[in-house]
Amino acid sequence: MTFEIALTGINAASAELEVISNNIANNATNGFKQSHAEFADVYAVSGQGTPGTAIGSGVRVSRVAQDFSQGDMTFTSNNLDIAISGEGFFRMDDHGSVVYSRAGNFGLDAQGNIVNSVGHSLTGYTANEDGVLTSSLGRLQLDTSDLPPRQTSEIALDLNLDPSADILAAPFDVNDPSTYNFSTSTMMFDSLGTSHEVTMYYHKDGDNTWSSFMFVEGQEVSAPGGDSLVFSTAGGLESVNGGTGNTISTIPFTPVGGTAEQTIDIDISSMTQFVNPFGINNIQQNGYSPGRLQDIDVDASGVIYGDYNNGEAKILGQIVLTSFSNEQGLTPIGDSAWKESVASGIGVTNAPGSADLGLLQSGAVEESNVDLTAELVAMIGAQRSFQANAQVISTADTLAQTIINLR
């Protein structure tokens, strides 16, 4: 019996050494989670056993437990290297089946899918062609094509007209600077993405009353006679062309060199007439020239942005994370990946930062959480256990040989 008991000890120590060896071997494997062997004693089952004199039958490996603690982060120059800070796993598509991982070494394949080195595709919420996220969960296949041009349809003006400016008796003449008080210029884009200069002129008609005129490279596009703006004594915009709105619109026009007619709405809700000099706070417009994708960024909540060489950015998708009620129940399948099991429970998938999920760090990877020093110490302990059990077998063999030699 002594031989069998000692043999279970040798097997247990050998199993522990295998676990330790695997941890040490994967010390540099990104997203790897270390394991440790847990043991239980063994007793022979007998209906006639006496509790006070029962002798155990050895030891067995009860389970190999996984340690899902956070690994250190290493920063890289690749924005698609992504580390999870906190709870959760990347949800990956392995040719139709779903697997989970903490290893965030990603890149783009020829089809624009975000994939890891073994071809698993990262999943998340997709975005439509306008850059709006949908509720559709699937493989993140990014649109890497050029951004088509967008003609300007809206301009927002945020400026202050000086109430102390002179009232002008002469009618507005774009060629005579003495017939307008102030002007502002910005750029707009036609349907081909060609830029054109837009200039707004402001003519003070009377106390709190102004007229505005809009020109696109010398072509007047405002309504005949301009647009009438009336301000209250408190300095806020009171009426536009006799109405209570805060938008003026151009007449339909085709810019020089353009191919399509367009109309622009000018939002002047932020325009004021406070007791301050004329000043421009902000001018914005919604058009742009064609753009080529030059970079991809991922924010902490997993939203993926495409950055284009025309200065525009567009949402391309959003990475999701999955958490489990019992991470220990996940089944390891290699390549720093796991599969869901009955023991792990059904995964809950959400956007990073929600439902106790962690946040993402772009341009970084999570290293293995193996502590080499601790593993080397554990290896010494397992080695001593192996040696001690081997000594038991040697001693038992000596005793058996002594009995055999009795005459």
Protein backbone atom coordinates (compact mmCIF):
# COMPACT_ATOMS: atom_id res chain seq x y z
CA MET A 1 0.00 0.00 0.00
CA THR A 2 2.90 2.33 0.80
CA PHE A 3 4.11 2.09 -2.79
CA GLU A 4 0.68 3.12 -4.16
CA ILE A 5 0.35 6.06 -1.74
CA ALA A 6 3.81 7.36 -2.56
CA LEU A 7 3.10 6.92 -6.26
CA THR A 8 0.05 9.22 -5.97
CA GLY A 9 2.34 11.78 -4.35
CA ILE A 10 4.81 11.50 -7.20
CA ASN A 11 1.99 11.85 -9.75
CA ALA A 12 0.62 14.90 -7.90
CA ALA A 13 4.05 16.54 -7.71
CA SER A 14 4.62 15.74 -11.38
CA ALA A 15 1.27 17.34 -12.29
CA GLU A 16 2.15 20.44 -10.28
CA LEU A 17 5.49 20.66 -12.07
CA GLU A 18 3.66 20.44 -15.41
CA VAL A 19 1.39 23.34 -14.41
CA ILE A 20 4.37 25.39 -13.23
CA SER A 21 6.28 24.57 -16.42
CA ASN A 22 3.33 25.73 -18.52
CA ASN A 23 3.16 29.00 -16.56
CA ILE A 24 6.88 29.64 -17.01
CA ALA A 25 6.76 28.72 -20.70
CA ASN A 26 3.97 31.30 -21.26
CA ASN A 27 5.60 34.05 -19.24
CA ALA A 28 5.85 36.19 -22.41
CA THR A 29 2.48 35.19 -23.91
CA ASN A 30 0.18 38.23 -24.07
CA GLY A 31 -3.18 37.66 -22.40
CA PHE A 32 -2.08 34.37 -20.80
CA LYS A 33 -3.52 33.59 -17.36
CA GLN A 34 -1.49 31.47 -14.98
CA SER A 35 -2.87 28.36 -13.30
CA HIS A 36 -2.08 26.43 -10.14
CA ALA A 37 -2.77 22.85 -9.15
CA GLU A 38 -5.07 22.14 -6.21
CA PHE A 39 -4.99 18.81 -4.37
CA ALA A 40 -7.33 16.61 -2.33
CA ASP A 41 -6.62 13.62 -0.13
CA VAL A 42 -7.86 10.15 -1.06
CA TYR A 43 -9.46 7.60 1.27
CA ALA A 44 -10.54 4.07 0.39
CA VAL A 45 -14.29 3.66 0.84
CA SER A 46 -15.18 0.84 3.24
CA GLY A 47 -18.38 0.13 5.06
CA GLN A 48 -16.44 -1.46 7.91
CA GLY A 49 -13.74 1.15 8.36
CA THR A 50 -12.93 2.46 11.80
CA PRO A 51 -12.72 6.28 11.84
CA GLY A 52 -10.00 6.36 14.43
CA THR A 53 -7.69 4.02 12.55
CA ALA A 54 -8.45 4.87 8.90
CA ILE A 55 -5.34 5.44 6.79
CA GLY A 56 -5.51 7.55 3.67
CA SER A 57 -4.82 6.26 0.21
CA GLY A 58 -2.79 9.19 -1.06
CA VAL A 59 -3.46 12.41 -2.95
CA ARG A 60 -5.03 13.48 -6.22
CA VAL A 61 -5.24 16.66 -8.28
CA SER A 62 -8.70 18.04 -7.54
CA ARG A 63 -8.51 20.75 -10.19
CA VAL A 64 -6.21 23.11 -12.04
CA ALA A 65 -7.47 26.58 -11.10
CA GLN A 66 -6.98 29.58 -13.40
CA ASP A 67 -5.91 32.99 -12.10
CA PHE A 68 -7.68 35.76 -14.03
CA SER A 69 -5.99 38.66 -12.24
CA GLN A 70 -4.93 41.67 -14.31
CA GLY A 71 -1.61 41.47 -16.12
CA ASP A 72 0.69 44.44 -16.65
CA MET A 73 0.25 46.65 -19.73
CA THR A 74 2.92 47.20 -22.36
CA PHE A 75 2.50 50.11 -24.76
CA THR A 76 3.05 49.69 -28.50
CA SER A 77 2.94 51.84 -31.64
CA ASN A 78 -0.08 49.98 -33.08
CA ASN A 79 -3.44 51.61 -32.28
CA LEU A 80 -5.16 48.26 -32.88
CA ASP A 81 -3.22 46.68 -30.02
CA ILE A 82 -5.83 46.91 -27.27
CA ALA A 83 -5.59 46.10 -23.56
CA ILE A 84 -8.50 45.61 -21.17
CA SER A 85 -8.19 47.48 -17.88
CA GLY A 86 -10.63 45.71 -15.57
CA GLU A 87 -13.16 42.95 -16.07
CA GLY A 88 -14.22 41.32 -19.31
CA PHE A 89 -13.02 39.39 -22.34
CA PHE A 90 -12.82 40.24 -26.02
CA ARG A 91 -15.60 38.43 -27.89
CA MET A 92 -14.06 36.69 -30.91
CA ASP A 93 -15.49 34.88 -33.93
CA ASP A 94 -13.56 31.66 -34.63
CA HIS A 95 -14.96 30.75 -38.06
CA GLY A 96 -18.54 30.71 -36.79
CA SER A 97 -18.04 29.76 -33.16
CA VAL A 98 -17.57 32.28 -30.36
CA VAL A 99 -14.43 32.28 -28.21
CA TYR A 100 -13.13 34.76 -25.64
CA SER A 101 -9.69 36.23 -25.04
CA ARG A 102 -7.72 38.85 -23.12
CA ALA A 103 -4.94 39.00 -25.72
CA GLY A 104 -5.38 42.22 -27.67
CA ASN A 105 -2.81 41.96 -30.46
CA PHE A 106 -4.98 42.94 -33.43
CA GLY A 107 -4.57 44.07 -37.01
CA LEU A 108 -6.60 44.32 -40.21
CA ASP A 109 -6.85 41.55 -42.78
CA ALA A 110 -7.39 42.09 -46.50
CA GLN A 111 -11.15 42.36 -46.02
CA GLY A 112 -10.91 44.98 -43.25
CA ASN A 113 -11.72 42.55 -40.42
CA ILE A 114 -10.00 43.18 -37.08
CA VAL A 115 -8.22 39.88 -36.43
CA ASN A 116 -5.58 38.38 -34.16
CA SER A 117 -2.58 36.33 -35.22
CA VAL A 118 -4.55 33.05 -35.43
CA GLY A 119 -7.39 34.51 -37.51
CA HIS A 120 -10.00 35.04 -34.81
CA SER A 121 -12.17 38.05 -35.73
CA LEU A 122 -12.99 40.68 -33.12
CA THR A 123 -16.72 41.29 -32.73
CA GLY A 124 -18.71 44.35 -31.69
CA TYR A 125 -21.42 46.77 -32.75
CA THR A 126 -21.24 47.69 -36.41
CA ALA A 127 -21.72 51.21 -37.84
CA ASN A 128 -23.70 52.23 -40.90
CA GLU A 129 -22.27 54.20 -43.83
CA ASP A 130 -23.06 57.48 -42.05
CA GLY A 131 -20.95 56.52 -39.05
CA VAL A 132 -23.88 55.79 -36.74
CA LEU A 133 -23.56 52.77 -34.43
CA THR A 134 -26.19 50.07 -34.76
CA SER A 135 -27.37 47.43 -32.29
CA SER A 136 -26.16 44.69 -34.64
CA LEU A 137 -23.51 42.48 -33.02
CA GLY A 138 -21.08 40.84 -35.42
CA ARG A 139 -17.56 40.76 -36.82
CA LEU A 140 -15.97 44.21 -36.94
CA GLN A 141 -15.26 44.64 -40.64
CA LEU A 142 -14.08 48.21 -41.03
CA ASP A 143 -14.81 50.31 -44.10
CA THR A 144 -11.32 51.33 -45.18
CA SER A 145 -12.40 52.94 -48.44
CA ASP A 146 -11.97 56.65 -49.18
CA LEU A 147 -14.42 59.05 -47.56
CA PRO A 148 -16.56 60.55 -50.34
CA PRO A 149 -16.98 64.34 -50.46
CA ARG A 150 -19.91 65.99 -48.76
CA GLN A 151 -21.37 69.22 -50.02
CA THR A 152 -22.09 71.90 -47.46
CA SER A 153 -25.72 72.16 -46.42
CA GLU A 154 -25.38 73.92 -43.05
CA ILE A 155 -23.28 76.74 -41.63
CA ALA A 156 -23.43 77.82 -37.98
CA LEU A 157 -22.38 81.36 -37.07
CA ASP A 158 -21.50 82.37 -33.53
CA LEU A 159 -20.52 86.05 -33.48
CA ASN A 160 -21.34 89.39 -31.91
CA LEU A 161 -22.38 92.50 -33.85
CA ASP A 162 -21.28 95.76 -32.25
CA PRO A 163 -24.41 97.80 -31.34
CA SER A 164 -22.37 101.03 -31.43
CA ALA A 165 -21.60 100.59 -35.14
CA ASP A 166 -22.74 103.40 -37.44
CA ILE A 167 -26.14 103.20 -39.11
CA LEU A 168 -25.51 103.18 -42.85
CA ALA A 169 -27.79 105.17 -45.12
CA ALA A 170 -26.26 103.97 -48.38
CA PRO A 171 -27.60 100.68 -49.75
CA PHE A 172 -25.31 97.68 -49.62
CA ASP A 173 -22.78 97.32 -52.46
CA VAL A 174 -20.39 94.39 -52.26
CA ASN A 175 -17.78 96.42 -54.16
CA ASP A 176 -17.94 99.38 -51.76
CA PRO A 177 -16.59 98.63 -48.24
CA SER A 178 -18.22 101.81 -46.92
CA THR A 179 -21.66 100.24 -47.46
CA TYR A 180 -21.24 97.46 -44.89
CA ASN A 181 -20.06 97.42 -41.29
CA PHE A 182 -18.56 93.96 -40.91
CA SER A 183 -17.86 90.78 -42.87
CA THR A 184 -16.97 87.17 -42.12
CA SER A 185 -15.51 84.48 -44.36
CA THR A 186 -15.36 80.70 -44.21
CA MET A 187 -15.09 77.77 -46.60
CA MET A 188 -17.84 75.63 -48.10
CA PHE A 189 -17.70 72.56 -50.33
CA ASP A 190 -19.61 71.59 -53.46
CA SER A 191 -20.73 68.09 -54.46
CA LEU A 192 -17.27 67.30 -55.87
CA GLY A 193 -15.56 68.28 -52.64
CA THR A 194 -14.09 71.46 -54.09
CA SER A 195 -13.80 74.28 -51.57
CA HIS A 196 -15.23 77.75 -52.14
CA GLU A 197 -14.96 80.89 -50.06
CA VAL A 198 -18.21 82.11 -48.48
CA THR A 199 -18.44 85.70 -47.29
CA MET A 200 -21.21 87.20 -45.15
CA TYR A 201 -21.64 90.99 -45.07
CA TYR A 202 -23.50 92.88 -42.32
CA HIS A 203 -25.20 96.24 -42.95
CA LYS A 204 -26.66 98.16 -40.01
CA ASP A 205 -30.07 99.51 -41.05
CA GLY A 206 -31.11 101.09 -37.74
CA ASP A 207 -31.09 100.58 -34.00
CA ASN A 208 -31.04 96.80 -33.34
CA THR A 209 -31.72 96.14 -37.04
CA TRP A 210 -29.30 94.65 -39.54
CA SER A 211 -29.26 93.17 -43.03
CA SER A 212 -26.99 90.29 -44.02
CA PHE A 213 -25.81 89.35 -47.50
CA MET A 214 -24.07 86.12 -48.52
CA PHE A 215 -21.71 85.67 -51.47
CA VAL A 216 -19.89 82.59 -52.76
CA GLU A 217 -16.79 83.72 -54.66
CA GLY A 218 -18.53 86.86 -55.93
CA GLN A 219 -21.88 85.17 -56.63
CA GLU A 220 -24.70 86.47 -54.42
CA VAL A 221 -26.68 83.57 -52.97
CA SER A 222 -28.74 85.36 -50.32
CA ALA A 223 -32.35 86.29 -50.91
CA PRO A 224 -32.86 89.44 -53.01
CA GLY A 225 -32.37 92.47 -50.77
CA GLY A 226 -30.60 90.36 -48.13
CA ASP A 227 -31.97 88.96 -44.89
CA SER A 228 -33.35 91.13 -42.10
CA LEU A 229 -32.07 90.53 -38.55
CA VAL A 230 -33.66 92.20 -35.52
CA PHE A 231 -32.18 92.06 -32.02
CA SER A 232 -33.83 92.78 -28.69
CA THR A 233 -32.62 95.54 -26.39
CA ALA A 234 -31.02 92.78 -24.29
CA GLY A 235 -28.83 91.80 -27.24
CA GLY A 236 -30.45 88.51 -28.24
CA LEU A 237 -31.73 87.63 -31.70
CA GLU A 238 -35.42 88.50 -31.84
CA SER A 239 -36.53 87.86 -35.41
CA VAL A 240 -35.27 86.80 -38.83
CA ASN A 241 -37.03 88.18 -41.90
CA GLY A 242 -39.98 89.11 -39.70
CA GLY A 243 -40.36 85.61 -38.23
CA THR A 244 -39.31 84.00 -34.97
CA GLY A 245 -36.89 81.51 -36.52
CA ASN A 246 -33.13 81.62 -36.23
CA THR A 247 -32.12 80.29 -39.65
CA ILE A 248 -31.58 82.02 -42.96
CA SER A 249 -31.33 80.11 -46.22
CA THR A 250 -29.59 80.78 -49.49
CA ILE A 251 -31.33 80.62 -52.80
CA PRO A 252 -30.48 77.46 -54.80
CA PHE A 253 -27.13 77.99 -56.54
CA THR A 254 -24.40 76.10 -58.34
CA PRO A 255 -20.85 77.12 -57.37
CA VAL A 256 -18.36 77.94 -60.10
CA GLY A 257 -16.94 74.62 -61.28
CA GLY A 258 -19.59 72.66 -59.42
CA THR A 259 -21.93 70.13 -60.99
CA ALA A 260 -24.90 70.12 -58.60
CA GLU A 261 -27.22 72.79 -57.30
CA GLN A 262 -27.20 73.29 -53.54
CA THR A 263 -28.87 75.31 -50.80
CA ILE A 264 -27.25 76.24 -47.50
CA ASP A 265 -29.05 76.91 -44.21
CA ILE A 266 -27.24 79.33 -41.91
CA ASP A 267 -27.89 78.85 -38.19
CA ILE A 268 -27.56 82.23 -36.47
CA SER A 269 -29.16 81.26 -33.15
CA SER A 270 -25.87 82.11 -31.37
CA MET A 271 -25.54 85.53 -33.01
CA THR A 272 -25.75 88.41 -30.52
CA GLN A 273 -25.64 92.20 -30.30
CA PHE A 274 -24.08 92.74 -26.90
CA VAL A 275 -22.20 95.87 -25.83
CA ASN A 276 -18.92 94.52 -27.10
CA PRO A 277 -16.84 95.03 -30.23
CA PHE A 278 -17.53 92.91 -33.28
CA GLY A 279 -16.08 89.45 -32.70
CA ILE A 280 -16.25 85.96 -34.16
CA ASN A 281 -16.51 83.15 -31.61
CA ASN A 282 -16.94 80.23 -33.97
CA ILE A 283 -17.94 79.36 -37.53
CA GLN A 284 -18.70 75.76 -38.49
CA GLN A 285 -19.92 74.06 -41.65
CA ASN A 286 -20.73 70.41 -42.38
CA GLY A 287 -19.06 69.85 -45.76
CA TYR A 288 -15.69 68.38 -46.60
CA SER A 289 -13.43 67.28 -49.43
CA PRO A 290 -12.69 63.60 -50.22
CA GLY A 291 -10.55 61.87 -47.61
CA ARG A 292 -8.27 58.86 -47.44
CA LEU A 293 -8.09 56.75 -44.29
CA GLN A 294 -4.75 57.40 -42.61
CA ASP A 295 -5.24 56.09 -39.07
CA ILE A 296 -7.60 54.20 -36.78
CA ASP A 297 -8.20 55.14 -33.14
CA VAL A 298 -10.05 53.31 -30.36
CA ASP A 299 -11.33 55.20 -27.31
CA ALA A 300 -11.77 53.85 -23.78
CA SER A 301 -15.38 52.83 -24.44
CA GLY A 302 -14.38 50.79 -27.49
CA VAL A 303 -15.62 53.19 -30.18
CA ILE A 304 -13.46 52.86 -33.30
CA TYR A 305 -12.77 56.03 -35.29
CA GLY A 306 -11.36 56.35 -38.77
CA ASP A 307 -9.14 59.42 -39.17
CA TYR A 308 -8.92 60.79 -42.71
CA ASN A 309 -6.36 63.06 -44.33
CA ASN A 310 -9.00 65.76 -44.87
CA GLY A 311 -9.26 66.26 -41.11
CA GLU A 312 -12.53 64.37 -40.74
CA ALA A 313 -13.21 61.45 -38.40
CA LYS A 314 -15.90 58.80 -38.74
CA ILE A 315 -17.17 56.10 -36.37
CA LEU A 316 -16.46 52.67 -37.85
CA GLY A 317 -17.76 50.42 -35.05
CA GLN A 318 -17.54 49.65 -31.33
CA ILE A 319 -15.72 46.82 -29.56
CA VAL A 320 -17.70 44.89 -26.94
CA LEU A 321 -16.61 42.94 -23.86
CA THR A 322 -18.15 39.86 -22.25
CA SER A 323 -18.18 38.94 -18.56
CA PHE A 324 -19.03 35.66 -16.83
CA SER A 325 -20.45 34.87 -13.42
CA ASN A 326 -17.80 32.16 -12.97
CA GLU A 327 -14.60 32.77 -14.92
CA GLN A 328 -13.09 29.62 -13.40
CA GLY A 329 -15.62 27.61 -15.40
CA LEU A 330 -14.29 28.80 -18.76
CA THR A 331 -12.67 26.10 -20.87
CA PRO A 332 -9.15 26.98 -22.11
CA ILE A 333 -8.64 26.08 -25.78
CA GLY A 334 -5.17 27.50 -26.43
CA ASP A 335 -4.00 30.66 -28.21
CA SER A 336 -4.90 32.62 -25.04
CA ALA A 337 -8.57 31.89 -25.65
CA TRP A 338 -11.44 30.28 -23.76
CA LYS A 339 -14.86 28.88 -24.54
CA GLU A 340 -18.06 29.29 -22.59
CA SER A 341 -19.22 26.24 -20.60
CA VAL A 342 -22.07 25.20 -18.33
CA ALA A 343 -19.81 25.91 -15.36
CA SER A 344 -18.93 29.44 -16.51
CA GLY A 345 -22.52 30.47 -17.11
CA ILE A 346 -23.79 32.42 -20.09
CA GLY A 347 -21.66 35.44 -20.93
CA VAL A 348 -23.09 38.96 -20.66
CA THR A 349 -21.95 41.21 -23.51
CA ASN A 350 -21.92 45.00 -23.34
CA ALA A 351 -19.92 48.08 -24.24
CA PRO A 352 -16.70 48.67 -22.27
CA GLY A 353 -17.25 50.76 -19.16
CA SER A 354 -20.81 49.54 -18.64
CA ALA A 355 -22.21 46.77 -16.40
CA ASP A 356 -18.96 46.53 -14.35
CA LEU A 357 -16.90 45.90 -17.49
CA GLY A 358 -13.44 47.38 -17.81
CA LEU A 359 -12.22 50.12 -20.13
CA LEU A 360 -9.93 49.78 -23.13
CA GLN A 361 -6.45 51.17 -23.70
CA SER A 362 -5.51 51.57 -27.35
CA GLY A 363 -1.87 51.10 -28.30
CA ALA A 364 -1.22 48.64 -25.47
CA VAL A 365 -1.36 44.91 -24.75
CA GLU A 366 -1.93 43.01 -21.53
CA GLU A 367 1.03 40.85 -20.62
CA SER A 368 0.91 37.42 -19.00
CA ASN A 369 0.11 37.58 -15.28
CA VAL A 370 2.77 34.96 -14.46
CA ASP A 371 5.04 35.91 -11.54
CA LEU A 372 8.33 34.21 -12.42
CA THR A 373 9.76 34.50 -8.91
CA ALA A 374 6.70 32.87 -7.36
CA GLU A 375 6.75 30.11 -9.98
CA LEU A 376 10.41 29.30 -9.30
CA VAL A 377 9.70 29.08 -5.57
CA ALA A 378 6.69 26.83 -6.25
CA MET A 379 8.86 24.68 -8.52
CA ILE A 380 11.33 24.11 -5.68
CA GLY A 381 8.45 23.03 -3.42
CA ALA A 382 7.07 20.64 -6.04
CA GLN A 383 10.55 19.23 -6.63
CA ARG A 384 11.01 18.55 -2.91
CA SER A 385 7.60 16.89 -2.77
CA PHE A 386 8.59 14.68 -5.70
CA GLN A 387 11.90 13.79 -4.01
CA ALA A 388 10.23 13.06 -0.67
CA ASN A 389 7.70 10.71 -2.24
CA ALA A 390 10.47 9.01 -4.20
CA GLN A 391 12.32 8.53 -0.91
CA VAL A 392 9.20 6.91 0.57
CA ILE A 393 9.20 4.39 -2.29
CA SER A 394 12.91 3.75 -1.74
CA THR A 395 12.36 3.22 1.98
CA ALA A 396 9.38 0.94 1.39
CA ASP A 397 11.46 -1.04 -1.07
CA THR A 398 14.21 -1.46 1.53
CA LEU A 399 11.68 -2.68 4.11
CA ALA A 400 10.17 -5.10 1.62
CA GLN A 401 13.61 -6.43 0.75
CA THR A 402 14.38 -6.91 4.44
CA ILE A 403 11.21 -8.96 4.89
CA ILE A 404 12.03 -11.06 1.83
CA ASN A 405 15.48 -11.78 3.22
CA LEU A 406 14.11 -13.09 6.54
CA ARG A 407 14.83 -16.79 6.98
